[in-house]
Amino acid sequence: MKPSSELKEQLQVHHIRPVEMGGRDRFKNLICLCQICHKIVHKDVEKHIDTLRKYVSLYTQTGHRYTIDSIEKGYYLEV
């Protein structure tokens, strides 16, 4: 397992709705993703907009973290 300091260095800020698609540099349009998830999301940014918004909503309501895959498939697993 990697030390938490190493994991923090791997987090990257991502615009949920990219600026090129009308997104803004606002807190509610930003999310932190690990390097791997960030690469996955950037392969098809438009596909993941609703999923990332759902993630933020679930996290705000429950305080639990979820995987992108679990949200897309409709089952919410705690990570």
PDB file of N, CA and C in Angstrom:
ATOM      1  N   MET A   1       0.836  -1.180   0.000  1.00  0.00           N
ATOM      2  CA  MET A   1       0.000   0.000   0.000  1.00  0.00           C
ATOM      3  C   MET A   1       0.879   1.241   0.000  1.00  0.00           C
ATOM      4  N   LYS A   2       0.490   2.222  -0.767  1.00  0.00           N
ATOM      5  CA  LYS A   2       1.278   3.440  -0.868  1.00  0.00           C
ATOM      6  C   LYS A   2       0.983   4.370   0.305  1.00  0.00           C
ATOM      7  N   PRO A   3       1.990   5.128   0.752  1.00  0.00           N
ATOM      8  CA  PRO A   3       1.738   6.097   1.819  1.00  0.00           C
ATOM      9  C   PRO A   3       0.782   7.180   1.333  1.00  0.00           C
ATOM     10  N   SER A   4       0.011   7.754   2.263  1.00  0.00           N
ATOM     11  CA  SER A   4      -0.988   8.755   1.882  1.00  0.00           C
ATOM     12  C   SER A   4      -0.367   9.954   1.181  1.00  0.00           C
ATOM     13  N   SER A   5       0.851  10.324   1.537  1.00  0.00           N
ATOM     14  CA  SER A   5       1.500  11.455   0.875  1.00  0.00           C
ATOM     15  C   SER A   5       1.711  11.164  -0.606  1.00  0.00           C
ATOM     16  N   GLU A   6       2.019   9.914  -0.938  1.00  0.00           N
ATOM     17  CA  GLU A   6       2.195   9.523  -2.334  1.00  0.00           C
ATOM     18  C   GLU A   6       0.867   9.558  -3.080  1.00  0.00           C
ATOM     19  N   LEU A   7      -0.203   9.119  -2.430  1.00  0.00           N
ATOM     20  CA  LEU A   7      -1.522   9.125  -3.057  1.00  0.00           C
ATOM     21  C   LEU A   7      -1.988  10.549  -3.335  1.00  0.00           C
ATOM     22  N   LYS A   8      -1.735  11.462  -2.416  1.00  0.00           N
ATOM     23  CA  LYS A   8      -2.146  12.857  -2.602  1.00  0.00           C
ATOM     24  C   LYS A   8      -1.482  13.458  -3.832  1.00  0.00           C
ATOM     25  N   GLU A   9      -0.252  13.057  -4.082  1.00  0.00           N
ATOM     26  CA  GLU A   9       0.462  13.569  -5.243  1.00  0.00           C
ATOM     27  C   GLU A   9      -0.152  13.062  -6.540  1.00  0.00           C
ATOM     28  N   GLN A  10      -0.877  11.961  -6.471  1.00  0.00           N
ATOM     29  CA  GLN A  10      -1.468  11.374  -7.665  1.00  0.00           C
ATOM     30  C   GLN A  10      -2.843  11.951  -7.976  1.00  0.00           C
ATOM     31  N   LEU A  11      -3.446  12.676  -7.038  1.00  0.00           N
ATOM     32  CA  LEU A  11      -4.760  13.260  -7.296  1.00  0.00           C
ATOM     33  C   LEU A  11      -4.638  14.410  -8.284  1.00  0.00           C
ATOM     34  N   GLN A  12      -5.608  14.489  -9.180  1.00  0.00           N
ATOM     35  CA  GLN A  12      -5.617  15.528 -10.199  1.00  0.00           C
ATOM     36  C   GLN A  12      -6.995  16.168 -10.235  1.00  0.00           C
ATOM     37  N   VAL A  13      -7.024  17.482 -10.394  1.00  0.00           N
ATOM     38  CA  VAL A  13      -8.296  18.192 -10.469  1.00  0.00           C
ATOM     39  C   VAL A  13      -8.835  18.078 -11.888  1.00  0.00           C
ATOM     40  N   HIS A  14     -10.124  17.786 -11.987  1.00  0.00           N
ATOM     41  CA  HIS A  14     -10.782  17.601 -13.279  1.00  0.00           C
ATOM     42  C   HIS A  14     -12.046  18.445 -13.326  1.00  0.00           C
ATOM     43  N   HIS A  15     -12.284  19.108 -14.452  1.00  0.00           N
ATOM     44  CA  HIS A  15     -13.550  19.815 -14.668  1.00  0.00           C
ATOM     45  C   HIS A  15     -14.612  18.778 -15.030  1.00  0.00           C
ATOM     46  N   ILE A  16     -15.706  18.732 -14.281  1.00  0.00           N
ATOM     47  CA  ILE A  16     -16.768  17.773 -14.583  1.00  0.00           C
ATOM     48  C   ILE A  16     -17.309  18.060 -15.985  1.00  0.00           C
ATOM     49  N   ARG A  17     -17.661  19.300 -16.238  1.00  0.00           N
ATOM     50  CA  ARG A  17     -18.006  19.725 -17.593  1.00  0.00           C
ATOM     51  C   ARG A  17     -16.829  20.579 -18.056  1.00  0.00           C
ATOM     52  N   PRO A  18     -16.067  20.098 -19.043  1.00  0.00           N
ATOM     53  CA  PRO A  18     -14.883  20.829 -19.500  1.00  0.00           C
ATOM     54  C   PRO A  18     -15.192  22.252 -19.955  1.00  0.00           C
ATOM     55  N   VAL A  19     -14.223  23.118 -19.788  1.00  0.00           N
ATOM     56  CA  VAL A  19     -14.361  24.516 -20.192  1.00  0.00           C
ATOM     57  C   VAL A  19     -14.721  24.601 -21.675  1.00  0.00           C
ATOM     58  N   GLU A  20     -14.150  23.716 -22.489  1.00  0.00           N
ATOM     59  CA  GLU A  20     -14.422  23.697 -23.931  1.00  0.00           C
ATOM     60  C   GLU A  20     -15.888  23.387 -24.233  1.00  0.00           C
ATOM     61  N   MET A  21     -16.576  22.771 -23.257  1.00  0.00           N
ATOM     62  CA  MET A  21     -17.985  22.404 -23.439  1.00  0.00           C
ATOM     63  C   MET A  21     -18.907  23.322 -22.634  1.00  0.00           C
ATOM     64  N   GLY A  22     -18.380  24.469 -22.220  1.00  0.00           N
ATOM     65  CA  GLY A  22     -19.195  25.435 -21.487  1.00  0.00           C
ATOM     66  C   GLY A  22     -19.056  25.370 -19.978  1.00  0.00           C
ATOM     67  N   GLY A  23     -18.194  24.490 -19.477  1.00  0.00           N
ATOM     68  CA  GLY A  23     -17.976  24.393 -18.034  1.00  0.00           C
ATOM     69  C   GLY A  23     -17.217  25.602 -17.526  1.00  0.00           C
ATOM     70  N   ARG A  24     -17.324  25.830 -16.235  1.00  0.00           N
ATOM     71  CA  ARG A  24     -16.667  26.987 -15.629  1.00  0.00           C
ATOM     72  C   ARG A  24     -15.662  26.544 -14.578  1.00  0.00           C
ATOM     73  N   ASP A  25     -14.786  27.466 -14.229  1.00  0.00           N
ATOM     74  CA  ASP A  25     -13.819  27.236 -13.154  1.00  0.00           C
ATOM     75  C   ASP A  25     -14.499  27.545 -11.823  1.00  0.00           C
ATOM     76  N   ARG A  26     -15.479  26.745 -11.481  1.00  0.00           N
ATOM     77  CA  ARG A  26     -16.224  26.900 -10.228  1.00  0.00           C
ATOM     78  C   ARG A  26     -16.032  25.637  -9.407  1.00  0.00           C
ATOM     79  N   PHE A  27     -16.070  25.788  -8.105  1.00  0.00           N
ATOM     80  CA  PHE A  27     -15.862  24.661  -7.198  1.00  0.00           C
ATOM     81  C   PHE A  27     -16.813  23.505  -7.501  1.00  0.00           C
ATOM     82  N   LYS A  28     -18.084  23.820  -7.777  1.00  0.00           N
ATOM     83  CA  LYS A  28     -19.042  22.729  -7.998  1.00  0.00           C
ATOM     84  C   LYS A  28     -18.854  22.031  -9.347  1.00  0.00           C
ATOM     85  N   ASN A  29     -17.965  22.544 -10.192  1.00  0.00           N
ATOM     86  CA  ASN A  29     -17.664  21.901 -11.469  1.00  0.00           C
ATOM     87  C   ASN A  29     -16.308  21.186 -11.435  1.00  0.00           C
ATOM     88  N   LEU A  30     -15.718  21.059 -10.257  1.00  0.00           N
ATOM     89  CA  LEU A  30     -14.406  20.431 -10.135  1.00  0.00           C
ATOM     90  C   LEU A  30     -14.493  19.189  -9.262  1.00  0.00           C
ATOM     91  N   ILE A  31     -13.661  18.215  -9.589  1.00  0.00           N
ATOM     92  CA  ILE A  31     -13.588  16.982  -8.806  1.00  0.00           C
ATOM     93  C   ILE A  31     -12.135  16.508  -8.840  1.00  0.00           C
ATOM     94  N   CYS A  32     -11.684  15.879  -7.768  1.00  0.00           N
ATOM     95  CA  CYS A  32     -10.349  15.292  -7.740  1.00  0.00           C
ATOM     96  C   CYS A  32     -10.451  13.824  -8.125  1.00  0.00           C
ATOM     97  N   LEU A  33      -9.601  13.425  -9.050  1.00  0.00           N
ATOM     98  CA  LEU A  33      -9.562  12.034  -9.502  1.00  0.00           C
ATOM     99  C   LEU A  33      -8.134  11.526  -9.400  1.00  0.00           C
ATOM    100  N   CYS A  34      -7.991  10.231  -9.168  1.00  0.00           N
ATOM    101  CA  CYS A  34      -6.652   9.641  -9.228  1.00  0.00           C
ATOM    102  C   CYS A  34      -6.221   9.642 -10.705  1.00  0.00           C
ATOM    103  N   GLN A  35      -4.944   9.412 -10.920  1.00  0.00           N
ATOM    104  CA  GLN A  35      -4.412   9.428 -12.294  1.00  0.00           C
ATOM    105  C   GLN A  35      -5.141   8.452 -13.202  1.00  0.00           C
ATOM    106  N   ILE A  36      -5.406   7.258 -12.715  1.00  0.00           N
ATOM    107  CA  ILE A  36      -6.038   6.225 -13.532  1.00  0.00           C
ATOM    108  C   ILE A  36      -7.452   6.641 -13.930  1.00  0.00           C
ATOM    109  N   CYS A  37      -8.257   7.064 -12.948  1.00  0.00           N
ATOM    110  CA  CYS A  37      -9.634   7.489 -13.252  1.00  0.00           C
ATOM    111  C   CYS A  37      -9.636   8.702 -14.178  1.00  0.00           C
ATOM    112  N   HIS A  38      -8.687   9.610 -13.976  1.00  0.00           N
ATOM    113  CA  HIS A  38      -8.613  10.803 -14.816  1.00  0.00           C
ATOM    114  C   HIS A  38      -8.368  10.410 -16.274  1.00  0.00           C
ATOM    115  N   LYS A  39      -7.495   9.451 -16.500  1.00  0.00           N
ATOM    116  CA  LYS A  39      -7.235   8.980 -17.864  1.00  0.00           C
ATOM    117  C   LYS A  39      -8.477   8.326 -18.460  1.00  0.00           C
ATOM    118  N   ILE A  40      -9.170   7.513 -17.657  1.00  0.00           N
ATOM    119  CA  ILE A  40     -10.386   6.845 -18.130  1.00  0.00           C
ATOM    120  C   ILE A  40     -11.439   7.872 -18.526  1.00  0.00           C
ATOM    121  N   VAL A  41     -11.656   8.854 -17.677  1.00  0.00           N
ATOM    122  CA  VAL A  41     -12.670   9.888 -17.939  1.00  0.00           C
ATOM    123  C   VAL A  41     -12.327  10.666 -19.209  1.00  0.00           C
ATOM    124  N   HIS A  42     -11.058  10.963 -19.420  1.00  0.00           N
ATOM    125  CA  HIS A  42     -10.666  11.753 -20.591  1.00  0.00           C
ATOM    126  C   HIS A  42     -10.772  10.989 -21.905  1.00  0.00           C
ATOM    127  N   LYS A  43     -10.938   9.685 -21.854  1.00  0.00           N
ATOM    128  CA  LYS A  43     -11.140   8.921 -23.090  1.00  0.00           C
ATOM    129  C   LYS A  43     -12.507   9.220 -23.698  1.00  0.00           C
ATOM    130  N   ASP A  44     -13.479   9.596 -22.850  1.00  0.00           N
ATOM    131  CA  ASP A  44     -14.819   9.952 -23.325  1.00  0.00           C
ATOM    132  C   ASP A  44     -15.455  10.888 -22.289  1.00  0.00           C
ATOM    133  N   VAL A  45     -14.986  12.120 -22.284  1.00  0.00           N
ATOM    134  CA  VAL A  45     -15.377  13.100 -21.268  1.00  0.00           C
ATOM    135  C   VAL A  45     -16.894  13.279 -21.208  1.00  0.00           C
ATOM    136  N   GLU A  46     -17.526  13.435 -22.345  1.00  0.00           N
ATOM    137  CA  GLU A  46     -18.971  13.695 -22.371  1.00  0.00           C
ATOM    138  C   GLU A  46     -19.768  12.556 -21.720  1.00  0.00           C
ATOM    139  N   LYS A  47     -19.330  11.336 -21.933  1.00  0.00           N
ATOM    140  CA  LYS A  47     -20.005  10.167 -21.364  1.00  0.00           C
ATOM    141  C   LYS A  47     -20.004  10.205 -19.834  1.00  0.00           C
ATOM    142  N   HIS A  48     -18.976  10.772 -19.237  1.00  0.00           N
ATOM    143  CA  HIS A  48     -18.799  10.718 -17.787  1.00  0.00           C
ATOM    144  C   HIS A  48     -19.347  11.924 -17.033  1.00  0.00           C
ATOM    145  N   ILE A  49     -19.839  12.930 -17.703  1.00  0.00           N
ATOM    146  CA  ILE A  49     -20.331  14.132 -17.017  1.00  0.00           C
ATOM    147  C   ILE A  49     -21.424  13.780 -16.013  1.00  0.00           C
ATOM    148  N   ASP A  50     -22.454  13.071 -16.446  1.00  0.00           N
ATOM    149  CA  ASP A  50     -23.564  12.725 -15.542  1.00  0.00           C
ATOM    150  C   ASP A  50     -23.097  11.810 -14.410  1.00  0.00           C
ATOM    151  N   THR A  51     -22.200  10.888 -14.725  1.00  0.00           N
ATOM    152  CA  THR A  51     -21.674   9.975 -13.712  1.00  0.00           C
ATOM    153  C   THR A  51     -20.933  10.743 -12.628  1.00  0.00           C
ATOM    154  N   LEU A  52     -20.109  11.702 -13.022  1.00  0.00           N
ATOM    155  CA  LEU A  52     -19.353  12.479 -12.042  1.00  0.00           C
ATOM    156  C   LEU A  52     -20.276  13.366 -11.212  1.00  0.00           C
ATOM    157  N   ARG A  53     -21.297  13.920 -11.826  1.00  0.00           N
ATOM    158  CA  ARG A  53     -22.277  14.714 -11.064  1.00  0.00           C
ATOM    159  C   ARG A  53     -23.005  13.825 -10.056  1.00  0.00           C
ATOM    160  N   LYS A  54     -23.355  12.607 -10.457  1.00  0.00           N
ATOM    161  CA  LYS A  54     -24.007  11.652  -9.559  1.00  0.00           C
ATOM    162  C   LYS A  54     -23.068  11.313  -8.398  1.00  0.00           C
ATOM    163  N   TYR A  55     -21.794  11.132  -8.698  1.00  0.00           N
ATOM    164  CA  TYR A  55     -20.808  10.849  -7.657  1.00  0.00           C
ATOM    165  C   TYR A  55     -20.792  11.960  -6.619  1.00  0.00           C
ATOM    166  N   VAL A  56     -20.704  13.197  -7.079  1.00  0.00           N
ATOM    167  CA  VAL A  56     -20.665  14.343  -6.165  1.00  0.00           C
ATOM    168  C   VAL A  56     -21.934  14.376  -5.314  1.00  0.00           C
ATOM    169  N   SER A  57     -23.074  14.139  -5.933  1.00  0.00           N
ATOM    170  CA  SER A  57     -24.339  14.136  -5.210  1.00  0.00           C
ATOM    171  C   SER A  57     -24.369  13.044  -4.140  1.00  0.00           C
ATOM    172  N   LEU A  58     -23.976  11.828  -4.507  1.00  0.00           N
ATOM    173  CA  LEU A  58     -23.950  10.716  -3.554  1.00  0.00           C
ATOM    174  C   LEU A  58     -22.968  10.979  -2.412  1.00  0.00           C
ATOM    175  N   TYR A  59     -21.813  11.492  -2.761  1.00  0.00           N
ATOM    176  CA  TYR A  59     -20.799  11.767  -1.744  1.00  0.00           C
ATOM    177  C   TYR A  59     -21.292  12.842  -0.776  1.00  0.00           C
ATOM    178  N   THR A  60     -21.938  13.860  -1.302  1.00  0.00           N
ATOM    179  CA  THR A  60     -22.480  14.934  -0.472  1.00  0.00           C
ATOM    180  C   THR A  60     -23.559  14.400   0.466  1.00  0.00           C
ATOM    181  N   GLN A  61     -24.407  13.523  -0.035  1.00  0.00           N
ATOM    182  CA  GLN A  61     -25.504  12.971   0.763  1.00  0.00           C
ATOM    183  C   GLN A  61     -25.039  11.962   1.808  1.00  0.00           C
ATOM    184  N   THR A  62     -24.097  11.106   1.431  1.00  0.00           N
ATOM    185  CA  THR A  62     -23.747   9.980   2.300  1.00  0.00           C
ATOM    186  C   THR A  62     -22.364  10.077   2.944  1.00  0.00           C
ATOM    187  N   GLY A  63     -21.470  10.840   2.315  1.00  0.00           N
ATOM    188  CA  GLY A  63     -20.097  10.899   2.806  1.00  0.00           C
ATOM    189  C   GLY A  63     -19.265   9.694   2.412  1.00  0.00           C
ATOM    190  N   HIS A  64     -19.843   8.804   1.596  1.00  0.00           N
ATOM    191  CA  HIS A  64     -19.136   7.600   1.148  1.00  0.00           C
ATOM    192  C   HIS A  64     -18.567   7.810  -0.245  1.00  0.00           C
ATOM    193  N   ARG A  65     -17.450   7.143  -0.502  1.00  0.00           N
ATOM    194  CA  ARG A  65     -16.832   7.196  -1.821  1.00  0.00           C
ATOM    195  C   ARG A  65     -17.331   6.014  -2.643  1.00  0.00           C
ATOM    196  N   TYR A  66     -17.399   6.208  -3.934  1.00  0.00           N
ATOM    197  CA  TYR A  66     -17.875   5.172  -4.855  1.00  0.00           C
ATOM    198  C   TYR A  66     -16.922   5.080  -6.030  1.00  0.00           C
ATOM    199  N   THR A  67     -17.038   3.999  -6.795  1.00  0.00           N
ATOM    200  CA  THR A  67     -16.257   3.891  -8.022  1.00  0.00           C
ATOM    201  C   THR A  67     -17.104   4.415  -9.177  1.00  0.00           C
ATOM    202  N   ILE A  68     -16.460   4.893 -10.212  1.00  0.00           N
ATOM    203  CA  ILE A  68     -17.177   5.354 -11.402  1.00  0.00           C
ATOM    204  C   ILE A  68     -17.984   4.203 -11.986  1.00  0.00           C
ATOM    205  N   ASP A  69     -17.374   3.034 -12.022  1.00  0.00           N
ATOM    206  CA  ASP A  69     -18.040   1.852 -12.562  1.00  0.00           C
ATOM    207  C   ASP A  69     -19.320   1.520 -11.796  1.00  0.00           C
ATOM    208  N   SER A  70     -19.277   1.593 -10.471  1.00  0.00           N
ATOM    209  CA  SER A  70     -20.460   1.255  -9.676  1.00  0.00           C
ATOM    210  C   SER A  70     -21.598   2.250  -9.920  1.00  0.00           C
ATOM    211  N   ILE A  71     -21.267   3.484 -10.140  1.00  0.00           N
ATOM    212  CA  ILE A  71     -22.302   4.488 -10.415  1.00  0.00           C
ATOM    213  C   ILE A  71     -22.893   4.261 -11.795  1.00  0.00           C
ATOM    214  N   GLU A  72     -22.045   4.001 -12.790  1.00  0.00           N
ATOM    215  CA  GLU A  72     -22.534   3.764 -14.147  1.00  0.00           C
ATOM    216  C   GLU A  72     -23.436   2.532 -14.214  1.00  0.00           C
ATOM    217  N   LYS A  73     -23.133   1.520 -13.417  1.00  0.00           N
ATOM    218  CA  LYS A  73     -23.917   0.282 -13.448  1.00  0.00           C
ATOM    219  C   LYS A  73     -25.101   0.306 -12.479  1.00  0.00           C
ATOM    220  N   GLY A  74     -25.204   1.376 -11.682  1.00  0.00           N
ATOM    221  CA  GLY A  74     -26.349   1.530 -10.804  1.00  0.00           C
ATOM    222  C   GLY A  74     -26.235   0.844  -9.467  1.00  0.00           C
ATOM    223  N   TYR A  75     -25.075   0.319  -9.134  1.00  0.00           N
ATOM    224  CA  TYR A  75     -24.896  -0.225  -7.787  1.00  0.00           C
ATOM    225  C   TYR A  75     -23.770   0.551  -7.140  1.00  0.00           C
ATOM    226  N   TYR A  76     -24.002   0.935  -5.927  1.00  0.00           N
ATOM    227  CA  TYR A  76     -23.057   1.830  -5.262  1.00  0.00           C
ATOM    228  C   TYR A  76     -22.270   1.077  -4.195  1.00  0.00           C
ATOM    229  N   LEU A  77     -21.016   0.843  -4.498  1.00  0.00           N
ATOM    230  CA  LEU A  77     -20.134   0.142  -3.570  1.00  0.00           C
ATOM    231  C   LEU A  77     -19.261   1.150  -2.861  1.00  0.00           C
ATOM    232  N   GLU A  78     -19.124   1.002  -1.570  1.00  0.00           N
ATOM    233  CA  GLU A  78     -18.218   1.861  -0.831  1.00  0.00           C
ATOM    234  C   GLU A  78     -16.799   1.426  -1.142  1.00  0.00           C
ATOM    235  N   VAL A  79     -15.929   2.408  -1.241  1.00  0.00           N
ATOM    236  CA  VAL A  79     -14.521   2.126  -1.513  1.00  0.00           C
ATOM    237  C   VAL A  79     -13.730   2.407  -0.276  1.00  0.00           C
TER     238      VAL A  79
END
